[in-house]
């Protein structure tokens, strides 16, 4: 997987569909509840997504110094996702949640 050397927010601007999870260099299938999960980053710094079947929307920002995305939903809830790698077709995120801290979420674009 080739990683962009100069990641910028434009690299993120598309729909990313959840494909699989990776933990300890092993890949795992997504759960049935996550089958259609995705994140769509828009150029106006808003996003729409589906997490575990629940539709969400809000705004986002990309922190270049920490290589993370911060998603802020309509209720003001924040979720930080570290960008592990990105190519034109794959986005690998590690969410800053206790239950997902050692798991990479792998997304694909079409």
C-alpha atoms as a PDB file:
ATOM      1  CA  UNK A   1       0.000   0.000   0.000  1.00  0.00           C
ATOM      2  CA  UNK A   2       1.557   3.290  -1.098  1.00  0.00           C
ATOM      3  CA  UNK A   3       1.014   6.062   1.421  1.00  0.00           C
ATOM      4  CA  UNK A   4       0.657   9.657   0.266  1.00  0.00           C
ATOM      5  CA  UNK A   5       3.742  11.548   1.358  1.00  0.00           C
ATOM      6  CA  UNK A   6       1.989  14.916   1.578  1.00  0.00           C
ATOM      7  CA  UNK A   7      -1.458  14.129   2.916  1.00  0.00           C
ATOM      8  CA  UNK A   8      -3.867  17.007   2.717  1.00  0.00           C
ATOM      9  CA  UNK A   9      -7.583  17.282   3.246  1.00  0.00           C
ATOM     10  CA  UNK A  10      -8.281  16.931  -0.486  1.00  0.00           C
ATOM     11  CA  UNK A  11      -7.060  13.331  -0.314  1.00  0.00           C
ATOM     12  CA  UNK A  12      -9.973  12.565   2.007  1.00  0.00           C
ATOM     13  CA  UNK A  13     -12.759  14.144  -0.061  1.00  0.00           C
ATOM     14  CA  UNK A  14     -14.857  11.195  -1.141  1.00  0.00           C
ATOM     15  CA  UNK A  15     -16.988   8.387   0.201  1.00  0.00           C
ATOM     16  CA  UNK A  16     -15.081   5.684   2.073  1.00  0.00           C
ATOM     17  CA  UNK A  17     -16.868   2.360   2.654  1.00  0.00           C
ATOM     18  CA  UNK A  18     -15.851   0.217   5.630  1.00  0.00           C
ATOM     19  CA  UNK A  19     -14.154  -2.872   4.248  1.00  0.00           C
ATOM     20  CA  UNK A  20     -12.460  -4.744   7.095  1.00  0.00           C
ATOM     21  CA  UNK A  21     -10.656  -4.427  10.412  1.00  0.00           C
ATOM     22  CA  UNK A  22      -7.043  -5.194  11.174  1.00  0.00           C
ATOM     23  CA  UNK A  23      -5.632  -6.169  14.558  1.00  0.00           C
ATOM     24  CA  UNK A  24      -2.149  -7.600  15.175  1.00  0.00           C
ATOM     25  CA  UNK A  25      -1.634  -7.693  11.396  1.00  0.00           C
ATOM     26  CA  UNK A  26      -4.654  -9.986  10.912  1.00  0.00           C
ATOM     27  CA  UNK A  27      -7.758  -8.895   9.037  1.00  0.00           C
ATOM     28  CA  UNK A  28     -11.267  -9.503  10.348  1.00  0.00           C
ATOM     29  CA  UNK A  29     -14.636  -9.215   8.634  1.00  0.00           C
ATOM     30  CA  UNK A  30     -17.022  -6.497   9.701  1.00  0.00           C
ATOM     31  CA  UNK A  31     -20.061  -7.386  11.783  1.00  0.00           C
ATOM     32  CA  UNK A  32     -23.472  -7.601  10.104  1.00  0.00           C
ATOM     33  CA  UNK A  33     -24.482  -4.338  11.833  1.00  0.00           C
ATOM     34  CA  UNK A  34     -21.544  -2.610  10.106  1.00  0.00           C
ATOM     35  CA  UNK A  35     -22.147  -4.054   6.644  1.00  0.00           C
ATOM     36  CA  UNK A  36     -23.044  -0.731   4.979  1.00  0.00           C
ATOM     37  CA  UNK A  37     -20.959   1.611   7.164  1.00  0.00           C
ATOM     38  CA  UNK A  38     -19.181   4.481   5.463  1.00  0.00           C
ATOM     39  CA  UNK A  39     -17.808   8.003   5.893  1.00  0.00           C
ATOM     40  CA  UNK A  40     -18.223  10.641   3.202  1.00  0.00           C
ATOM     41  CA  UNK A  41     -15.965  13.679   3.672  1.00  0.00           C
ATOM     42  CA  UNK A  42     -17.226  16.718   1.767  1.00  0.00           C
ATOM     43  CA  UNK A  43     -15.251  19.756   0.611  1.00  0.00           C
ATOM     44  CA  UNK A  44     -17.377  22.136   2.721  1.00  0.00           C
ATOM     45  CA  UNK A  45     -15.917  20.358   5.791  1.00  0.00           C
ATOM     46  CA  UNK A  46     -19.124  18.442   6.547  1.00  0.00           C
ATOM     47  CA  UNK A  47     -19.527  14.685   6.592  1.00  0.00           C
ATOM     48  CA  UNK A  48     -22.253  12.086   6.434  1.00  0.00           C
ATOM     49  CA  UNK A  49     -21.668   8.600   7.725  1.00  0.00           C
ATOM     50  CA  UNK A  50     -23.160   5.391   8.925  1.00  0.00           C
ATOM     51  CA  UNK A  51     -21.622   3.715  12.006  1.00  0.00           C
ATOM     52  CA  UNK A  52     -23.079   0.378  13.075  1.00  0.00           C
ATOM     53  CA  UNK A  53     -26.130   1.125  10.965  1.00  0.00           C
ATOM     54  CA  UNK A  54     -26.752   4.569  12.508  1.00  0.00           C
ATOM     55  CA  UNK A  55     -26.718   7.565  10.151  1.00  0.00           C
ATOM     56  CA  UNK A  56     -24.766  10.569  11.381  1.00  0.00           C
ATOM     57  CA  UNK A  57     -23.700  13.924  10.018  1.00  0.00           C
ATOM     58  CA  UNK A  58     -21.747  16.927  11.177  1.00  0.00           C
ATOM     59  CA  UNK A  59     -18.513  18.678  10.392  1.00  0.00           C
ATOM     60  CA  UNK A  60     -14.911  17.573  10.359  1.00  0.00           C
ATOM     61  CA  UNK A  61     -11.417  18.942  10.473  1.00  0.00           C
ATOM     62  CA  UNK A  62      -8.038  17.482   9.634  1.00  0.00           C
ATOM     63  CA  UNK A  63      -5.109  18.161  11.974  1.00  0.00           C
ATOM     64  CA  UNK A  64      -1.941  17.874   9.896  1.00  0.00           C
ATOM     65  CA  UNK A  65       0.403  18.016  12.897  1.00  0.00           C
ATOM     66  CA  UNK A  66      -1.199  15.043  14.631  1.00  0.00           C
ATOM     67  CA  UNK A  67      -2.397  13.283  11.459  1.00  0.00           C
ATOM     68  CA  UNK A  68      -5.896  12.895  12.775  1.00  0.00           C
ATOM     69  CA  UNK A  69      -9.429  13.720  11.716  1.00  0.00           C
ATOM     70  CA  UNK A  70     -11.889  15.083  14.235  1.00  0.00           C
ATOM     71  CA  UNK A  71     -15.538  14.342  13.531  1.00  0.00           C
ATOM     72  CA  UNK A  72     -18.083  16.518  15.354  1.00  0.00           C
ATOM     73  CA  UNK A  73     -21.669  15.331  15.035  1.00  0.00           C
ATOM     74  CA  UNK A  74     -24.842  17.405  15.271  1.00  0.00           C
ATOM     75  CA  UNK A  75     -24.964  16.960  19.061  1.00  0.00           C
ATOM     76  CA  UNK A  76     -21.412  18.274  19.474  1.00  0.00           C
ATOM     77  CA  UNK A  77     -19.982  14.822  20.215  1.00  0.00           C
ATOM     78  CA  UNK A  78     -16.365  14.561  19.043  1.00  0.00           C
ATOM     79  CA  UNK A  79     -14.578  11.514  17.694  1.00  0.00           C
ATOM     80  CA  UNK A  80     -10.894  11.506  16.846  1.00  0.00           C
ATOM     81  CA  UNK A  81      -9.576   9.161  14.156  1.00  0.00           C
ATOM     82  CA  UNK A  82      -5.842   8.873  13.477  1.00  0.00           C
ATOM     83  CA  UNK A  83      -4.895   8.450   9.812  1.00  0.00           C
ATOM     84  CA  UNK A  84      -2.619   5.399   9.693  1.00  0.00           C
ATOM     85  CA  UNK A  85      -2.328   5.405   5.895  1.00  0.00           C
ATOM     86  CA  UNK A  86      -4.134   6.589   2.806  1.00  0.00           C
ATOM     87  CA  UNK A  87      -3.971   5.846  -0.903  1.00  0.00           C
ATOM     88  CA  UNK A  88      -6.401   6.716  -3.679  1.00  0.00           C
ATOM     89  CA  UNK A  89      -8.342   3.508  -2.894  1.00  0.00           C
ATOM     90  CA  UNK A  90      -7.737   2.807   0.832  1.00  0.00           C
ATOM     91  CA  UNK A  91      -8.004   4.762   4.060  1.00  0.00           C
ATOM     92  CA  UNK A  92      -6.827   3.194   7.314  1.00  0.00           C
ATOM     93  CA  UNK A  93      -8.062   4.842  10.511  1.00  0.00           C
ATOM     94  CA  UNK A  94      -7.542   4.124  14.180  1.00  0.00           C
ATOM     95  CA  UNK A  95     -10.374   5.566  16.267  1.00  0.00           C
ATOM     96  CA  UNK A  96      -9.616   7.086  19.658  1.00  0.00           C
ATOM     97  CA  UNK A  97     -12.117   4.902  21.522  1.00  0.00           C
ATOM     98  CA  UNK A  98     -11.196   2.456  24.280  1.00  0.00           C
ATOM     99  CA  UNK A  99     -12.877  -0.496  22.558  1.00  0.00           C
ATOM    100  CA  UNK A 100     -11.206   0.270  19.194  1.00  0.00           C
ATOM    101  CA  UNK A 101      -7.815   1.615  20.272  1.00  0.00           C
ATOM    102  CA  UNK A 102      -5.733  -1.312  18.928  1.00  0.00           C
ATOM    103  CA  UNK A 103      -7.866  -1.903  15.851  1.00  0.00           C
ATOM    104  CA  UNK A 104      -7.396  -0.338  12.419  1.00  0.00           C
ATOM    105  CA  UNK A 105     -10.561   0.284  10.402  1.00  0.00           C
ATOM    106  CA  UNK A 106      -9.861  -0.142   6.699  1.00  0.00           C
ATOM    107  CA  UNK A 107     -12.054   1.780   4.263  1.00  0.00           C
ATOM    108  CA  UNK A 108     -12.194   1.559   0.463  1.00  0.00           C
ATOM    109  CA  UNK A 109     -13.308   4.091  -2.099  1.00  0.00           C
ATOM    110  CA  UNK A 110     -14.749   3.218  -5.489  1.00  0.00           C
END
